[in-house]
Amino acid sequence: MAEKFSGIVEVCGDEAGYWHIVRVPEKVSGAYKSLAINFGFIPVTLTVGKSSWSSSFMPAGDGTHIIAVPTKVRKANNIQLGDKISVEFEMRERK
């Protein structure tokens, strides 16, 4: 069953490279920490607007998690830095 959260699109990184990310609310990722694999990654299938893709809740280094919002997803859904977006997710098995 899919679940949802929303968040603001931010930039994470520096001049050497950066990602557009959304922070996963701690109450959301915390409920799935027992399913974390490989250094705290939690495998999920994400849906934003009309785009779906396999990804992970990635550890942010401070006990919280983030998701990366790929360029193709941002372009397909006209998402800009600072936009608040709705993210739907389902847990998936790591292959």
N, C-alpha and C. Protein backbone atom coordinates (compact mmCIF):
# COMPACT_ATOMS: atom_id res chain seq x y z
N MET A 1 0.84 -1.18 0.00
CA MET A 1 0.00 0.00 0.00
C MET A 1 0.89 1.25 0.00
N ALA A 2 0.59 2.17 -0.87
CA ALA A 2 1.39 3.38 -0.98
C ALA A 2 1.09 4.35 0.16
N GLU A 3 2.13 5.06 0.56
CA GLU A 3 2.01 6.10 1.57
C GLU A 3 2.50 7.41 0.96
N LYS A 4 2.21 8.54 1.62
CA LYS A 4 2.59 9.84 1.07
C LYS A 4 3.23 10.72 2.13
N PHE A 5 4.06 11.64 1.64
CA PHE A 5 4.54 12.76 2.44
C PHE A 5 4.80 13.91 1.49
N SER A 6 5.02 15.07 2.01
CA SER A 6 5.36 16.21 1.15
C SER A 6 6.58 16.91 1.72
N GLY A 7 7.27 17.63 0.85
CA GLY A 7 8.45 18.35 1.27
C GLY A 7 8.88 19.37 0.23
N ILE A 8 9.82 20.20 0.62
CA ILE A 8 10.34 21.27 -0.22
C ILE A 8 11.56 20.77 -0.98
N VAL A 9 11.63 21.08 -2.27
CA VAL A 9 12.78 20.71 -3.09
C VAL A 9 13.93 21.64 -2.73
N GLU A 10 15.05 21.04 -2.31
CA GLU A 10 16.25 21.77 -1.90
C GLU A 10 17.43 21.32 -2.74
N VAL A 11 18.54 22.03 -2.61
CA VAL A 11 19.80 21.62 -3.23
C VAL A 11 20.70 21.10 -2.13
N CYS A 12 21.37 19.98 -2.42
CA CYS A 12 22.30 19.37 -1.49
C CYS A 12 23.61 19.15 -2.24
N GLY A 13 24.70 19.67 -1.73
CA GLY A 13 25.99 19.48 -2.37
C GLY A 13 26.78 20.78 -2.42
N ASP A 14 27.77 20.81 -3.31
CA ASP A 14 28.62 21.99 -3.44
C ASP A 14 28.98 22.19 -4.91
N GLU A 15 29.94 23.06 -5.16
CA GLU A 15 30.30 23.37 -6.54
C GLU A 15 30.83 22.17 -7.32
N ALA A 16 31.27 21.13 -6.62
CA ALA A 16 31.76 19.92 -7.29
C ALA A 16 30.59 19.07 -7.81
N GLY A 17 29.41 19.35 -7.35
CA GLY A 17 28.22 18.62 -7.77
C GLY A 17 27.13 18.74 -6.74
N TYR A 18 25.91 18.71 -7.20
CA TYR A 18 24.79 18.82 -6.27
C TYR A 18 23.61 18.03 -6.78
N TRP A 19 22.68 17.74 -5.87
CA TRP A 19 21.45 17.04 -6.16
C TRP A 19 20.29 17.92 -5.72
N HIS A 20 19.16 17.74 -6.37
CA HIS A 20 17.91 18.28 -5.87
C HIS A 20 17.31 17.19 -4.99
N ILE A 21 16.96 17.54 -3.79
CA ILE A 21 16.48 16.56 -2.81
C ILE A 21 15.21 17.03 -2.13
N VAL A 22 14.55 16.09 -1.47
CA VAL A 22 13.46 16.37 -0.54
C VAL A 22 13.77 15.59 0.72
N ARG A 23 13.64 16.22 1.85
CA ARG A 23 13.87 15.55 3.13
C ARG A 23 12.66 14.69 3.48
N VAL A 24 12.93 13.46 3.88
CA VAL A 24 11.87 12.54 4.29
C VAL A 24 11.57 12.84 5.76
N PRO A 25 10.30 13.11 6.10
CA PRO A 25 9.99 13.36 7.51
C PRO A 25 10.47 12.20 8.39
N GLU A 26 11.04 12.53 9.53
CA GLU A 26 11.61 11.50 10.41
C GLU A 26 10.58 10.47 10.83
N LYS A 27 9.34 10.89 11.04
CA LYS A 27 8.31 9.92 11.43
C LYS A 27 8.03 8.92 10.31
N VAL A 28 8.26 9.32 9.06
CA VAL A 28 8.07 8.42 7.92
C VAL A 28 9.24 7.44 7.82
N SER A 29 10.46 7.96 7.70
CA SER A 29 11.60 7.07 7.53
C SER A 29 11.87 6.25 8.79
N GLY A 30 11.59 6.82 9.96
CA GLY A 30 11.82 6.12 11.22
C GLY A 30 11.01 4.84 11.33
N ALA A 31 9.83 4.83 10.73
CA ALA A 31 8.98 3.65 10.77
C ALA A 31 9.57 2.49 9.97
N TYR A 32 10.54 2.79 9.09
CA TYR A 32 11.11 1.76 8.21
C TYR A 32 12.60 1.52 8.44
N LYS A 33 13.18 2.11 9.46
CA LYS A 33 14.62 1.95 9.70
C LYS A 33 15.03 0.50 9.88
N SER A 34 14.13 -0.32 10.38
CA SER A 34 14.47 -1.75 10.56
C SER A 34 14.64 -2.46 9.22
N LEU A 35 14.16 -1.87 8.14
CA LEU A 35 14.29 -2.45 6.80
C LEU A 35 15.52 -1.92 6.06
N ALA A 36 16.28 -1.04 6.70
CA ALA A 36 17.44 -0.43 6.06
C ALA A 36 18.49 -1.47 5.71
N ILE A 37 19.14 -1.25 4.57
CA ILE A 37 20.22 -2.11 4.12
C ILE A 37 21.39 -1.22 3.70
N ASN A 38 22.54 -1.81 3.53
CA ASN A 38 23.70 -1.09 2.97
C ASN A 38 23.85 0.34 3.49
N PHE A 39 24.33 0.47 4.70
CA PHE A 39 24.64 1.78 5.28
C PHE A 39 23.42 2.65 5.54
N GLY A 40 22.25 2.06 5.72
CA GLY A 40 21.06 2.81 6.09
C GLY A 40 20.13 3.18 4.96
N PHE A 41 20.37 2.68 3.75
CA PHE A 41 19.47 2.94 2.63
C PHE A 41 18.20 2.11 2.80
N ILE A 42 17.05 2.73 2.54
CA ILE A 42 15.76 2.05 2.65
C ILE A 42 15.16 2.00 1.25
N PRO A 43 15.09 0.80 0.63
CA PRO A 43 14.62 0.71 -0.76
C PRO A 43 13.13 1.00 -0.91
N VAL A 44 12.80 1.88 -1.85
CA VAL A 44 11.43 2.30 -2.10
C VAL A 44 11.20 2.49 -3.60
N THR A 45 9.94 2.48 -3.98
CA THR A 45 9.53 2.96 -5.30
C THR A 45 8.83 4.28 -5.05
N LEU A 46 9.26 5.32 -5.74
CA LEU A 46 8.74 6.66 -5.54
C LEU A 46 7.86 7.09 -6.71
N THR A 47 6.85 7.89 -6.42
CA THR A 47 6.02 8.51 -7.45
C THR A 47 5.86 9.98 -7.11
N VAL A 48 6.18 10.82 -8.08
CA VAL A 48 5.96 12.26 -7.98
C VAL A 48 5.24 12.67 -9.26
N GLY A 49 4.03 13.20 -9.11
CA GLY A 49 3.27 13.57 -10.29
C GLY A 49 3.04 12.36 -11.17
N LYS A 50 3.46 12.47 -12.43
CA LYS A 50 3.26 11.36 -13.37
C LYS A 50 4.50 10.48 -13.52
N SER A 51 5.49 10.65 -12.65
CA SER A 51 6.75 9.90 -12.75
C SER A 51 6.91 8.93 -11.58
N SER A 52 7.34 7.70 -11.89
CA SER A 52 7.65 6.70 -10.87
C SER A 52 9.03 6.14 -11.15
N TRP A 53 9.78 5.81 -10.08
CA TRP A 53 11.11 5.23 -10.24
C TRP A 53 11.53 4.52 -8.97
N SER A 54 12.44 3.54 -9.15
CA SER A 54 13.01 2.82 -8.01
C SER A 54 14.14 3.66 -7.44
N SER A 55 14.15 3.77 -6.12
CA SER A 55 15.17 4.58 -5.45
C SER A 55 15.31 4.08 -4.02
N SER A 56 15.81 4.94 -3.17
CA SER A 56 15.94 4.65 -1.75
C SER A 56 15.78 5.92 -0.94
N PHE A 57 15.31 5.76 0.29
CA PHE A 57 15.49 6.82 1.27
C PHE A 57 16.97 6.73 1.62
N MET A 58 17.71 7.79 1.39
CA MET A 58 19.16 7.78 1.60
C MET A 58 19.50 8.48 2.91
N PRO A 59 20.42 7.92 3.70
CA PRO A 59 20.80 8.56 4.95
C PRO A 59 21.43 9.93 4.68
N ALA A 60 20.99 10.92 5.45
CA ALA A 60 21.51 12.28 5.30
C ALA A 60 22.74 12.53 6.17
N GLY A 61 23.08 11.58 7.03
CA GLY A 61 24.25 11.72 7.88
C GLY A 61 23.96 12.24 9.27
N ASP A 62 22.71 12.63 9.49
CA ASP A 62 22.33 13.17 10.80
C ASP A 62 21.20 12.35 11.44
N GLY A 63 21.00 11.12 10.94
CA GLY A 63 19.94 10.27 11.45
C GLY A 63 18.64 10.38 10.68
N THR A 64 18.57 11.32 9.73
CA THR A 64 17.39 11.48 8.90
C THR A 64 17.68 10.94 7.50
N HIS A 65 16.66 10.98 6.64
CA HIS A 65 16.80 10.48 5.27
C HIS A 65 16.35 11.54 4.27
N ILE A 66 16.84 11.39 3.04
CA ILE A 66 16.46 12.26 1.92
C ILE A 66 16.13 11.38 0.73
N ILE A 67 15.46 11.98 -0.26
CA ILE A 67 15.33 11.36 -1.57
C ILE A 67 15.90 12.33 -2.59
N ALA A 68 16.50 11.79 -3.62
CA ALA A 68 16.95 12.60 -4.75
C ALA A 68 15.80 12.71 -5.74
N VAL A 69 15.63 13.90 -6.31
CA VAL A 69 14.61 14.11 -7.33
C VAL A 69 15.34 14.33 -8.66
N PRO A 70 15.40 13.29 -9.50
CA PRO A 70 16.19 13.36 -10.73
C PRO A 70 15.72 14.45 -11.69
N THR A 71 16.62 14.88 -12.54
CA THR A 71 16.32 15.91 -13.54
C THR A 71 15.12 15.51 -14.38
N LYS A 72 15.07 14.27 -14.85
CA LYS A 72 13.97 13.84 -15.72
C LYS A 72 12.62 13.94 -15.00
N VAL A 73 12.59 13.70 -13.70
CA VAL A 73 11.36 13.82 -12.93
C VAL A 73 10.98 15.29 -12.77
N ARG A 74 11.98 16.12 -12.47
CA ARG A 74 11.70 17.56 -12.32
C ARG A 74 11.18 18.15 -13.63
N LYS A 75 11.79 17.80 -14.75
CA LYS A 75 11.36 18.33 -16.05
C LYS A 75 9.97 17.83 -16.42
N ALA A 76 9.71 16.54 -16.23
CA ALA A 76 8.42 15.96 -16.61
C ALA A 76 7.26 16.53 -15.80
N ASN A 77 7.56 17.03 -14.60
CA ASN A 77 6.51 17.52 -13.70
C ASN A 77 6.63 19.01 -13.41
N ASN A 78 7.50 19.70 -14.16
CA ASN A 78 7.70 21.14 -14.00
C ASN A 78 7.98 21.52 -12.55
N ILE A 79 8.93 20.82 -11.94
CA ILE A 79 9.29 21.05 -10.53
C ILE A 79 10.51 21.96 -10.48
N GLN A 80 10.42 22.99 -9.65
CA GLN A 80 11.50 23.96 -9.48
C GLN A 80 12.03 23.92 -8.05
N LEU A 81 13.24 24.39 -7.88
CA LEU A 81 13.84 24.55 -6.56
C LEU A 81 12.89 25.37 -5.69
N GLY A 82 12.62 24.89 -4.47
CA GLY A 82 11.74 25.60 -3.55
C GLY A 82 10.29 25.18 -3.62
N ASP A 83 9.92 24.39 -4.64
CA ASP A 83 8.54 23.90 -4.73
C ASP A 83 8.26 22.89 -3.63
N LYS A 84 7.03 22.90 -3.15
CA LYS A 84 6.58 21.85 -2.23
C LYS A 84 5.93 20.78 -3.09
N ILE A 85 6.42 19.55 -2.96
CA ILE A 85 5.89 18.46 -3.77
C ILE A 85 5.35 17.34 -2.89
N SER A 86 4.42 16.58 -3.45
CA SER A 86 3.88 15.41 -2.79
C SER A 86 4.61 14.19 -3.32
N VAL A 87 5.05 13.33 -2.41
CA VAL A 87 5.81 12.13 -2.77
C VAL A 87 5.03 10.92 -2.28
N GLU A 88 4.75 10.01 -3.19
CA GLU A 88 4.10 8.75 -2.83
C GLU A 88 5.18 7.68 -2.87
N PHE A 89 5.13 6.74 -1.94
CA PHE A 89 6.15 5.69 -1.92
C PHE A 89 5.58 4.37 -1.47
N GLU A 90 6.27 3.30 -1.91
CA GLU A 90 6.00 1.95 -1.46
C GLU A 90 7.33 1.29 -1.20
N MET A 91 7.38 0.44 -0.22
CA MET A 91 8.60 -0.32 0.05
C MET A 91 8.82 -1.28 -1.10
N ARG A 92 10.09 -1.58 -1.39
CA ARG A 92 10.39 -2.56 -2.44
C ARG A 92 11.53 -3.45 -1.97
N GLU A 93 11.62 -4.61 -2.59
CA GLU A 93 12.71 -5.52 -2.28
C GLU A 93 13.93 -5.06 -3.03
N ARG A 94 15.06 -5.13 -2.39
CA ARG A 94 16.33 -4.78 -3.04
C ARG A 94 16.74 -5.93 -3.93
N LYS A 95 17.04 -5.62 -5.18
CA LYS A 95 17.45 -6.67 -6.14
C LYS A 95 18.94 -6.67 -6.32
